[in-house]
Amino acid sequence: MAWSGSEGEFQDFVDKYGLTFPQINDERGDIYARFGIAYQPALVIVSPDGSTETVAGAVDESLLNQIISEAA
């Protein structure tokens, strides 16, 4: 997950939702710019060959499982 808010808001969000996967504070917006993300929520899948797929909007568990299956 990349975040572009303040460090305090970032940590509050991580703590509130009990997130255990790696978090990146993207305060400068470098990651958003690299993948052409204009807003959240958005998901970028990066395949081993470097190709990307961007999903704009929220992703539920069913859609995430489908995306992962198709990428494998």
N, C-alpha and C. Protein backbone atom coordinates (compact mmCIF):
# COMPACT_ATOMS: atom_id res chain seq x y z
N MET A 1 0.84 -1.17 0.00
CA MET A 1 0.00 0.00 0.00
C MET A 1 0.89 1.23 0.00
N ALA A 2 0.57 2.17 -0.83
CA ALA A 2 1.27 3.45 -0.83
C ALA A 2 0.30 4.52 -0.31
N TRP A 3 0.82 5.43 0.45
CA TRP A 3 0.02 6.45 1.11
C TRP A 3 0.65 7.80 0.85
N SER A 4 -0.16 8.83 0.72
CA SER A 4 0.41 10.15 0.47
C SER A 4 0.01 11.19 1.50
N GLY A 5 -0.46 10.78 2.67
CA GLY A 5 -0.83 11.72 3.71
C GLY A 5 0.29 11.91 4.71
N SER A 6 -0.06 12.51 5.84
CA SER A 6 0.94 12.73 6.88
C SER A 6 1.32 11.41 7.53
N GLU A 7 2.48 11.39 8.16
CA GLU A 7 2.97 10.17 8.82
C GLU A 7 2.00 9.70 9.91
N GLY A 8 1.44 10.65 10.67
CA GLY A 8 0.49 10.29 11.73
C GLY A 8 -0.78 9.66 11.18
N GLU A 9 -1.34 10.25 10.11
CA GLU A 9 -2.54 9.69 9.48
C GLU A 9 -2.25 8.32 8.89
N PHE A 10 -1.08 8.19 8.31
CA PHE A 10 -0.64 6.93 7.73
C PHE A 10 -0.62 5.83 8.79
N GLN A 11 0.03 6.09 9.91
CA GLN A 11 0.12 5.08 10.97
C GLN A 11 -1.23 4.80 11.59
N ASP A 12 -2.07 5.82 11.74
CA ASP A 12 -3.42 5.62 12.28
C ASP A 12 -4.23 4.68 11.40
N PHE A 13 -4.12 4.85 10.07
CA PHE A 13 -4.83 4.00 9.13
C PHE A 13 -4.35 2.55 9.24
N VAL A 14 -3.04 2.36 9.29
CA VAL A 14 -2.45 1.01 9.41
C VAL A 14 -2.93 0.36 10.69
N ASP A 15 -2.90 1.10 11.80
CA ASP A 15 -3.31 0.56 13.08
C ASP A 15 -4.81 0.26 13.12
N LYS A 16 -5.61 1.17 12.58
CA LYS A 16 -7.07 1.01 12.60
C LYS A 16 -7.50 -0.27 11.90
N TYR A 17 -6.88 -0.58 10.76
CA TYR A 17 -7.28 -1.73 9.97
C TYR A 17 -6.39 -2.95 10.19
N GLY A 18 -5.44 -2.87 11.11
CA GLY A 18 -4.60 -4.01 11.43
C GLY A 18 -3.83 -4.54 10.23
N LEU A 19 -3.35 -3.64 9.38
CA LEU A 19 -2.65 -4.06 8.15
C LEU A 19 -1.31 -4.68 8.51
N THR A 20 -1.02 -5.82 7.92
CA THR A 20 0.21 -6.55 8.23
C THR A 20 1.13 -6.68 7.02
N PHE A 21 0.69 -6.20 5.86
CA PHE A 21 1.55 -6.27 4.68
C PHE A 21 2.36 -4.98 4.59
N PRO A 22 3.44 -4.99 3.81
CA PRO A 22 4.32 -3.81 3.76
C PRO A 22 3.60 -2.52 3.36
N GLN A 23 3.96 -1.44 4.01
CA GLN A 23 3.38 -0.12 3.76
C GLN A 23 4.48 0.83 3.28
N ILE A 24 4.14 1.73 2.39
CA ILE A 24 5.10 2.70 1.87
C ILE A 24 4.49 4.09 1.99
N ASN A 25 5.18 5.00 2.65
CA ASN A 25 4.73 6.37 2.70
C ASN A 25 5.23 7.06 1.44
N ASP A 26 4.31 7.38 0.56
CA ASP A 26 4.63 8.00 -0.73
C ASP A 26 4.26 9.48 -0.70
N GLU A 27 4.72 10.16 0.33
CA GLU A 27 4.36 11.57 0.54
C GLU A 27 4.66 12.43 -0.69
N ARG A 28 5.74 12.15 -1.40
CA ARG A 28 6.09 12.93 -2.60
C ARG A 28 5.27 12.52 -3.82
N GLY A 29 4.60 11.37 -3.77
CA GLY A 29 3.77 10.93 -4.88
C GLY A 29 4.52 10.20 -5.98
N ASP A 30 5.75 9.77 -5.71
CA ASP A 30 6.55 9.09 -6.74
C ASP A 30 5.91 7.79 -7.23
N ILE A 31 5.39 7.00 -6.31
CA ILE A 31 4.78 5.73 -6.71
C ILE A 31 3.49 5.97 -7.48
N TYR A 32 2.69 6.90 -7.01
CA TYR A 32 1.45 7.23 -7.72
C TYR A 32 1.77 7.66 -9.15
N ALA A 33 2.76 8.52 -9.30
CA ALA A 33 3.14 9.01 -10.63
C ALA A 33 3.68 7.89 -11.51
N ARG A 34 4.52 7.03 -10.94
CA ARG A 34 5.11 5.94 -11.73
C ARG A 34 4.05 5.05 -12.37
N PHE A 35 2.97 4.80 -11.64
CA PHE A 35 1.93 3.91 -12.14
C PHE A 35 0.69 4.65 -12.64
N GLY A 36 0.74 5.97 -12.70
CA GLY A 36 -0.36 6.75 -13.25
C GLY A 36 -1.62 6.70 -12.40
N ILE A 37 -1.46 6.66 -11.10
CA ILE A 37 -2.60 6.60 -10.19
C ILE A 37 -2.98 8.02 -9.80
N ALA A 38 -4.23 8.38 -10.08
CA ALA A 38 -4.69 9.73 -9.79
C ALA A 38 -5.43 9.82 -8.46
N TYR A 39 -5.90 8.69 -7.94
CA TYR A 39 -6.67 8.69 -6.71
C TYR A 39 -6.69 7.29 -6.10
N GLN A 40 -7.13 7.23 -4.85
CA GLN A 40 -7.32 5.95 -4.16
C GLN A 40 -8.81 5.72 -4.00
N PRO A 41 -9.27 4.50 -3.92
CA PRO A 41 -8.48 3.29 -3.97
C PRO A 41 -8.12 2.90 -5.39
N ALA A 42 -6.98 2.29 -5.52
CA ALA A 42 -6.51 1.73 -6.79
C ALA A 42 -5.53 0.62 -6.47
N LEU A 43 -5.44 -0.34 -7.37
CA LEU A 43 -4.56 -1.48 -7.19
C LEU A 43 -3.75 -1.65 -8.46
N VAL A 44 -2.45 -1.80 -8.31
CA VAL A 44 -1.58 -2.07 -9.46
C VAL A 44 -0.94 -3.43 -9.25
N ILE A 45 -1.14 -4.32 -10.21
CA ILE A 45 -0.52 -5.64 -10.19
C ILE A 45 0.72 -5.56 -11.08
N VAL A 46 1.87 -5.89 -10.51
CA VAL A 46 3.12 -5.89 -11.27
C VAL A 46 3.52 -7.34 -11.49
N SER A 47 3.51 -7.79 -12.73
CA SER A 47 3.87 -9.17 -13.07
C SER A 47 5.38 -9.33 -13.08
N PRO A 48 5.85 -10.59 -12.96
CA PRO A 48 7.30 -10.83 -12.97
C PRO A 48 8.02 -10.26 -14.19
N ASP A 49 7.31 -10.16 -15.33
CA ASP A 49 7.94 -9.62 -16.54
C ASP A 49 7.95 -8.09 -16.55
N GLY A 50 7.41 -7.46 -15.49
CA GLY A 50 7.40 -6.01 -15.39
C GLY A 50 6.14 -5.35 -15.93
N SER A 51 5.27 -6.11 -16.58
CA SER A 51 4.02 -5.54 -17.06
C SER A 51 3.11 -5.22 -15.88
N THR A 52 2.22 -4.26 -16.06
CA THR A 52 1.33 -3.86 -14.98
C THR A 52 -0.12 -3.88 -15.42
N GLU A 53 -0.98 -4.05 -14.45
CA GLU A 53 -2.43 -3.93 -14.66
C GLU A 53 -2.95 -3.07 -13.53
N THR A 54 -3.70 -2.03 -13.85
CA THR A 54 -4.24 -1.13 -12.84
C THR A 54 -5.74 -1.34 -12.73
N VAL A 55 -6.22 -1.46 -11.51
CA VAL A 55 -7.64 -1.57 -11.23
C VAL A 55 -8.02 -0.34 -10.42
N ALA A 56 -8.87 0.50 -10.99
CA ALA A 56 -9.33 1.70 -10.29
C ALA A 56 -10.55 1.34 -9.46
N GLY A 57 -10.56 1.78 -8.22
CA GLY A 57 -11.68 1.51 -7.33
C GLY A 57 -11.34 0.42 -6.33
N ALA A 58 -12.27 0.18 -5.44
CA ALA A 58 -12.09 -0.82 -4.39
C ALA A 58 -12.09 -2.22 -4.98
N VAL A 59 -11.32 -3.09 -4.36
CA VAL A 59 -11.22 -4.49 -4.79
C VAL A 59 -11.63 -5.36 -3.62
N ASP A 60 -12.69 -6.16 -3.81
CA ASP A 60 -13.08 -7.08 -2.75
C ASP A 60 -12.30 -8.39 -2.87
N GLU A 61 -12.47 -9.28 -1.92
CA GLU A 61 -11.70 -10.52 -1.88
C GLU A 61 -11.91 -11.36 -3.13
N SER A 62 -13.12 -11.43 -3.62
CA SER A 62 -13.42 -12.23 -4.81
C SER A 62 -12.67 -11.70 -6.04
N LEU A 63 -12.72 -10.39 -6.25
CA LEU A 63 -12.02 -9.79 -7.38
C LEU A 63 -10.51 -9.94 -7.23
N LEU A 64 -10.01 -9.76 -6.02
CA LEU A 64 -8.57 -9.91 -5.80
C LEU A 64 -8.12 -11.32 -6.11
N ASN A 65 -8.88 -12.33 -5.67
CA ASN A 65 -8.54 -13.71 -5.99
C ASN A 65 -8.55 -13.96 -7.48
N GLN A 66 -9.51 -13.38 -8.20
CA GLN A 66 -9.58 -13.52 -9.66
C GLN A 66 -8.36 -12.89 -10.32
N ILE A 67 -7.99 -11.72 -9.91
CA ILE A 67 -6.83 -11.02 -10.46
C ILE A 67 -5.56 -11.83 -10.25
N ILE A 68 -5.40 -12.35 -9.04
CA ILE A 68 -4.20 -13.13 -8.73
C ILE A 68 -4.17 -14.41 -9.55
N SER A 69 -5.31 -15.07 -9.69
CA SER A 69 -5.38 -16.30 -10.48
C SER A 69 -5.02 -16.04 -11.93
N GLU A 70 -5.51 -14.96 -12.50
CA GLU A 70 -5.24 -14.63 -13.88
C GLU A 70 -3.78 -14.23 -14.10
N ALA A 71 -3.16 -13.64 -13.08
CA ALA A 71 -1.78 -13.19 -13.20
C ALA A 71 -0.79 -14.35 -13.05
N ALA A 72 -1.23 -15.42 -12.42
CA ALA A 72 -0.34 -16.55 -12.14
C ALA A 72 -0.03 -17.35 -13.39
